[in-house]
Amino acid sequence: MTYANYVGKPLSYIVATPEQSDDADNPLRIMYGNEGSAPAVAEFARRFDAVVVDGFGSTEGGVSIAATPGAPPGALGRLPGNVVILHPETGSECPAAEFDMDGRIVNADEATGELVNNEGAGAFSGYYKNPQADSERLRDGRYHSGDLAYRDADGFVYFAGRSSGWLRVDGENLGAAPIERALVRYPGFAQVTVYGVPDRYVGDRVMAAVVPTVDAEFDPIAFTEFLDAQADLGPKQLPTFIRVARSLPRTATFKILTRSLAAERWHCADPVWVRERGQNEFQLLTGELAHNLDKSPTA
């Protein structure tokens, strides 16, 4: 087989396996798919001597963004002429993202919005016997993808997560995807998903569920050092909780059931590590700490 497709995280699963001397001894030449992380795409291409083209598109066909050769790291491609990024609250088109010297977006609230096909439904012909779902996707003659993104001054688009994955931390809206892109760089993680959990004072805290690489144990000291060295992660994006799991719950199409993880919060059988604001390192969550997190701030 010289060509193959993928959807979701298969590349991450494969590169998490131990490298073999004959990995490149295969007929595969091209892999085409979406939702592959940049590190997994690069590592798969290196190990298996294949070209990996990671594009982006709605399953329903309403929005599609082609991969662009030479695009900046993490970019999906250039924003097509029929697609706009609309602010979820105002409905107006979002301005271009602005970045500081470390590559950190400084106007995420203004620049992050929903990818919308401004010219209609595209290839989307409707859900089967579900007019309510149709009306959620098609509004005012436009297709609303439910995907969050922002664009840079050159028109390159960056995925910021699903609208359901929007976090509100200290009064600021944050997308989960940029945080995931940073965490997946950690060499000890094979899989990462980021979501919001309630802050007992107001808004959300950032939580991540991770699956370590083969035969790796979570090292809280090494991870803390890694985390603090990521210049493109702002203070509000730093995770408070890390759930270390052997596997993550998935749908029939292998998408992570982040909503289930978010609902469980830190009440799970997996070990959870916590780093409160102002603390220098992660510590294992105990029953007493969990009880304190569940208490009302006025209790």
Protein backbone atom coordinates (compact mmCIF):
# COMPACT_ATOMS: atom_id res chain seq x y z
CA MET A 1 0.00 0.00 0.00
CA THR A 2 1.53 3.31 -1.09
CA TYR A 3 -1.29 5.64 0.08
CA ALA A 4 -3.42 5.75 3.23
CA ASN A 5 -5.92 8.02 4.99
CA TYR A 6 -6.31 8.76 8.69
CA VAL A 7 -8.68 10.72 10.91
CA GLY A 8 -7.80 11.81 14.41
CA LYS A 9 -4.95 10.40 16.46
CA PRO A 10 -3.65 7.22 14.71
CA LEU A 11 -0.30 8.86 13.95
CA SER A 12 0.18 9.62 17.64
CA TYR A 13 -0.54 5.99 18.53
CA ILE A 14 1.97 4.71 15.99
CA VAL A 15 4.86 7.04 16.86
CA ALA A 16 4.33 6.24 20.55
CA THR A 17 5.52 2.69 19.84
CA PRO A 18 9.25 1.87 20.15
CA GLU A 19 11.22 2.80 17.03
CA GLN A 20 12.44 -0.16 14.94
CA SER A 21 15.41 -0.30 12.60
CA ASP A 22 13.20 -1.32 9.66
CA ASP A 23 10.43 1.29 10.12
CA ALA A 24 11.24 2.89 6.76
CA ASP A 25 11.25 -0.49 4.98
CA ASN A 26 7.69 -0.21 3.67
CA PRO A 27 5.86 0.77 0.45
CA LEU A 28 3.94 3.68 2.03
CA ARG A 29 4.62 7.00 0.30
CA ILE A 30 1.73 9.37 1.20
CA MET A 31 -0.53 9.73 4.23
CA TYR A 32 -3.44 12.16 4.03
CA GLY A 33 -5.74 13.08 6.90
CA ASN A 34 -6.54 15.59 9.61
CA GLU A 35 -6.20 16.30 13.34
CA GLY A 36 -2.64 15.02 13.46
CA SER A 37 -0.42 16.96 15.86
CA ALA A 38 2.62 18.67 14.36
CA PRO A 39 5.13 16.54 16.35
CA ALA A 40 3.35 13.30 15.39
CA VAL A 41 3.22 14.29 11.71
CA ALA A 42 6.93 15.14 11.65
CA GLU A 43 7.96 12.01 13.55
CA PHE A 44 5.82 9.68 11.40
CA ALA A 45 7.28 11.17 8.22
CA ARG A 46 10.81 10.71 9.55
CA ARG A 47 10.43 7.19 10.86
CA PHE A 48 8.45 5.73 7.97
CA ASP A 49 9.92 7.79 5.13
CA ALA A 50 6.53 9.01 3.93
CA VAL A 51 4.99 12.35 3.05
CA VAL A 52 2.22 13.30 5.51
CA VAL A 53 -0.36 15.87 4.39
CA ASP A 54 -2.52 17.00 7.29
CA GLY A 55 -5.50 19.04 6.13
CA PHE A 56 -8.57 20.35 7.91
CA GLY A 57 -12.28 20.05 7.22
CA SER A 58 -15.68 19.58 8.81
CA THR A 59 -16.98 16.02 8.68
CA GLU A 60 -20.17 17.42 7.15
CA GLY A 61 -18.22 19.11 4.35
CA GLY A 62 -19.26 22.67 5.16
CA VAL A 63 -15.75 24.04 5.74
CA SER A 64 -12.46 22.87 4.29
CA ILE A 65 -8.94 24.31 4.60
CA ALA A 66 -6.21 22.87 2.41
CA ALA A 67 -2.71 22.30 3.76
CA THR A 68 -0.32 24.94 2.45
CA PRO A 69 3.34 24.12 1.73
CA GLY A 70 5.65 26.27 3.80
CA ALA A 71 2.96 27.21 6.31
CA PRO A 72 4.13 28.30 9.78
CA PRO A 73 4.29 25.56 12.42
CA GLY A 74 0.84 24.75 13.75
CA ALA A 75 -1.06 26.48 10.94
CA LEU A 76 -3.85 24.62 9.12
CA GLY A 77 -3.31 26.51 5.87
CA ARG A 78 -4.54 29.78 4.42
CA LEU A 79 -8.09 30.93 5.08
CA PRO A 80 -10.17 30.26 1.93
CA GLY A 81 -12.11 33.13 0.39
CA ASN A 82 -15.48 31.62 1.32
CA VAL A 83 -14.63 31.10 5.00
CA VAL A 84 -14.64 33.76 7.70
CA ILE A 85 -13.89 33.74 11.41
CA LEU A 86 -16.80 35.24 13.34
CA HIS A 87 -16.73 36.30 16.97
CA PRO A 88 -19.10 33.99 18.93
CA GLU A 89 -20.63 36.85 20.92
CA THR A 90 -20.80 39.76 18.48
CA GLY A 91 -21.12 37.83 15.20
CA SER A 92 -18.67 40.24 13.57
CA GLU A 93 -15.55 39.16 11.70
CA CYS A 94 -12.54 38.75 13.97
CA PRO A 95 -9.38 40.79 13.40
CA ALA A 96 -6.04 39.12 12.74
CA ALA A 97 -4.22 37.67 15.72
CA GLU A 98 -1.32 39.61 17.19
CA PHE A 99 1.68 37.87 18.75
CA ASP A 100 4.40 38.92 21.18
CA MET A 101 8.10 38.18 20.77
CA ASP A 102 7.61 34.65 22.14
CA GLY A 103 4.89 33.81 19.61
CA ARG A 104 2.13 34.08 22.20
CA ILE A 105 -1.19 35.47 20.97
CA VAL A 106 -1.98 38.68 22.85
CA ASN A 107 -5.52 39.39 21.58
CA ALA A 108 -7.11 35.94 21.83
CA ASP A 109 -10.46 37.33 23.03
CA GLU A 110 -10.83 39.49 19.92
CA ALA A 111 -9.13 37.26 17.34
CA THR A 112 -10.61 33.83 18.17
CA GLY A 113 -13.95 32.94 16.64
CA GLU A 114 -15.95 30.31 14.79
CA LEU A 115 -15.08 29.12 11.28
CA VAL A 116 -18.12 29.91 9.11
CA ASN A 117 -18.75 29.25 5.42
CA ASN A 118 -19.98 32.66 4.34
CA GLU A 119 -21.31 31.38 1.00
CA GLY A 120 -23.65 28.65 2.21
CA ALA A 121 -23.64 24.98 3.18
CA GLY A 122 -20.78 23.81 0.98
CA ALA A 123 -21.02 20.03 0.64
CA PHE A 124 -23.29 19.74 3.68
CA SER A 125 -26.71 18.36 2.69
CA GLY A 126 -28.21 18.04 6.17
CA TYR A 127 -28.39 15.51 8.98
CA TYR A 128 -30.62 12.47 8.64
CA LYS A 129 -34.07 13.27 10.03
CA ASN A 130 -32.70 15.88 12.40
CA PRO A 131 -33.96 19.35 11.44
CA GLN A 132 -32.97 20.79 14.82
CA ALA A 133 -29.33 19.86 14.22
CA ASP A 134 -29.61 21.27 10.68
CA SER A 135 -30.78 24.62 12.05
CA GLU A 136 -27.81 24.76 14.42
CA ARG A 137 -25.39 24.32 11.52
CA LEU A 138 -27.18 26.47 8.95
CA ARG A 139 -28.05 29.95 10.15
CA ASP A 140 -28.74 33.02 8.02
CA GLY A 141 -27.69 31.11 4.90
CA ARG A 142 -24.24 30.28 6.32
CA TYR A 143 -22.67 27.08 7.58
CA HIS A 144 -21.44 27.31 11.20
CA SER A 145 -18.77 24.69 11.83
CA GLY A 146 -18.55 24.88 15.63
CA ASP A 147 -14.76 24.99 15.25
CA LEU A 148 -12.77 27.83 16.80
CA ALA A 149 -9.77 29.37 15.06
CA TYR A 150 -7.75 32.53 14.59
CA ARG A 151 -5.70 33.84 11.64
CA ASP A 152 -2.42 35.70 11.44
CA ALA A 153 -1.69 38.80 9.36
CA ASP A 154 -0.68 36.61 6.40
CA GLY A 155 -3.98 34.72 6.37
CA PHE A 156 -2.76 31.48 7.92
CA VAL A 157 -5.34 29.81 10.16
CA TYR A 158 -4.72 28.19 13.55
CA PHE A 159 -7.19 25.77 15.14
CA ALA A 160 -8.28 26.83 18.65
CA GLY A 161 -10.62 23.94 19.53
CA ARG A 162 -14.32 23.25 19.40
CA SER A 163 -16.82 25.80 20.64
CA SER A 164 -17.59 23.30 23.39
CA GLY A 165 -13.88 23.42 24.30
CA TRP A 166 -13.84 27.13 25.03
CA LEU A 167 -12.42 27.93 28.48
CA ARG A 168 -13.03 31.06 30.52
CA VAL A 169 -10.07 31.68 32.83
CA ASP A 170 -9.89 34.84 34.94
CA GLY A 171 -12.32 36.56 32.63
CA GLU A 172 -10.44 35.65 29.44
CA ASN A 173 -11.62 33.26 26.72
CA LEU A 174 -9.05 30.58 25.87
CA GLY A 175 -9.10 27.86 23.22
CA ALA A 176 -8.02 24.37 24.27
CA ALA A 177 -6.13 23.53 21.06
CA PRO A 178 -3.19 25.97 21.46
CA ILE A 179 -2.59 24.57 24.95
CA GLU A 180 -2.71 21.01 23.59
CA ARG A 181 -0.20 21.91 20.88
CA ALA A 182 2.23 23.04 23.57
CA LEU A 183 1.71 20.07 25.91
CA VAL A 184 2.08 17.47 23.16
CA ARG A 185 5.66 18.65 22.65
CA TYR A 186 6.55 17.03 25.96
CA PRO A 187 8.47 13.86 25.05
CA GLY A 188 6.81 11.85 27.83
CA PHE A 189 3.26 12.23 26.42
CA ALA A 190 1.76 10.08 23.67
CA GLN A 191 -1.72 11.67 23.83
CA VAL A 192 -3.07 14.92 25.29
CA THR A 193 -6.49 16.51 25.55
CA VAL A 194 -7.24 19.81 27.32
CA TYR A 195 -10.53 20.98 28.81
CA GLY A 196 -11.94 23.30 31.41
CA VAL A 197 -13.09 22.32 34.89
CA PRO A 198 -14.90 24.65 37.30
CA ASP A 199 -12.87 27.05 39.40
CA ARG A 200 -14.56 27.18 42.82
CA TYR A 201 -14.25 30.97 42.75
CA VAL A 202 -15.26 31.85 39.19
CA GLY A 203 -14.86 30.55 35.64
CA ASP A 204 -12.62 27.62 34.76
CA ARG A 205 -9.27 26.04 35.52
CA VAL A 206 -7.23 24.31 32.81
CA MET A 207 -7.07 20.51 33.09
CA ALA A 208 -5.30 18.04 30.80
CA ALA A 209 -5.71 14.28 30.51
CA VAL A 210 -2.56 12.63 29.20
CA VAL A 211 -1.40 9.17 28.21
CA PRO A 212 2.35 8.68 28.74
CA THR A 213 4.52 7.18 26.04
CA VAL A 214 5.29 3.47 26.14
CA ASP A 215 7.04 2.43 29.37
CA ALA A 216 7.19 6.06 30.57
CA GLU A 217 6.10 7.24 33.99
CA PHE A 218 4.83 10.75 34.66
CA ASP A 219 7.66 12.81 36.13
CA PRO A 220 6.14 15.89 37.83
CA ILE A 221 9.50 17.64 38.23
CA ALA A 222 10.57 17.17 34.61
CA PHE A 223 7.13 18.18 33.37
CA THR A 224 7.09 21.32 35.52
CA GLU A 225 10.47 22.34 34.10
CA PHE A 226 9.20 21.71 30.57
CA LEU A 227 6.00 23.64 31.18
CA ASP A 228 7.75 26.70 32.59
CA ALA A 229 10.06 26.78 29.56
CA GLN A 230 7.22 27.09 27.01
CA ALA A 231 7.37 30.75 26.03
CA ASP A 232 4.14 30.57 24.01
CA LEU A 233 2.05 29.53 27.02
CA GLY A 234 0.67 32.42 29.02
CA PRO A 235 0.07 32.22 32.81
CA LYS A 236 -3.65 31.64 32.32
CA GLN A 237 -3.00 28.77 29.91
CA LEU A 238 -0.89 26.76 32.34
CA PRO A 239 -2.74 23.62 33.45
CA THR A 240 -3.72 23.33 37.09
CA PHE A 241 -4.56 19.62 36.83
CA ILE A 242 -2.90 16.73 34.99
CA ARG A 243 -4.79 13.43 34.83
CA VAL A 244 -2.44 10.57 33.96
CA ALA A 245 -4.34 7.76 32.23
CA ARG A 246 -3.53 4.53 30.43
CA SER A 247 -6.19 5.28 27.83
CA LEU A 248 -8.80 7.95 27.08
CA PRO A 249 -12.52 7.42 26.40
CA ARG A 250 -13.38 7.63 22.71
CA THR A 251 -16.26 7.68 20.28
CA ALA A 252 -16.78 5.06 17.59
CA THR A 253 -14.70 7.27 15.26
CA PHE A 254 -11.86 7.47 17.83
CA LYS A 255 -12.45 11.06 18.88
CA ILE A 256 -11.70 11.69 22.55
CA LEU A 257 -14.81 12.12 24.72
CA THR A 258 -13.53 15.28 26.34
CA ARG A 259 -16.96 16.12 27.74
CA SER A 260 -16.87 12.92 29.80
CA LEU A 261 -13.44 13.77 31.16
CA ALA A 262 -14.56 17.30 31.99
CA ALA A 263 -17.64 15.99 33.81
CA GLU A 264 -15.50 13.66 35.96
CA ARG A 265 -13.05 16.46 36.81
CA TRP A 266 -10.59 15.07 39.40
CA HIS A 267 -13.06 12.42 40.66
CA CYS A 268 -11.58 9.46 38.81
CA ALA A 269 -9.55 6.29 39.33
CA ASP A 270 -6.55 7.76 37.50
CA PRO A 271 -3.87 9.65 39.43
CA VAL A 272 -4.34 13.41 39.20
CA TRP A 273 -1.55 15.92 39.80
CA VAL A 274 -2.32 19.50 40.84
CA ARG A 275 -0.32 22.70 40.78
CA GLU A 276 -2.11 25.64 42.32
CA ARG A 277 -1.23 29.17 41.27
CA GLY A 278 1.92 30.34 42.96
CA GLN A 279 3.17 26.81 43.58
CA ASN A 280 6.50 25.69 42.11
CA GLU A 281 5.64 22.07 41.35
CA PHE A 282 2.86 19.54 40.86
CA GLN A 283 1.76 17.36 43.74
CA LEU A 284 -0.36 14.22 43.74
CA LEU A 285 -3.98 14.97 44.49
CA THR A 286 -5.04 13.44 47.81
CA GLY A 287 -8.51 12.99 49.22
CA GLU A 288 -8.04 16.01 51.46
CA LEU A 289 -6.94 18.22 48.57
CA ALA A 290 -9.88 17.03 46.45
CA HIS A 291 -12.26 17.82 49.33
CA ASN A 292 -10.85 21.35 49.58
CA LEU A 293 -11.31 21.84 45.82
CA ASP A 294 -14.97 20.81 46.10
CA LYS A 295 -15.73 23.22 48.96
CA SER A 296 -17.45 26.51 48.33
CA PRO A 297 -15.07 29.48 48.79
CA THR A 298 -17.44 30.80 51.47
CA ALA A 299 -17.55 27.51 53.40
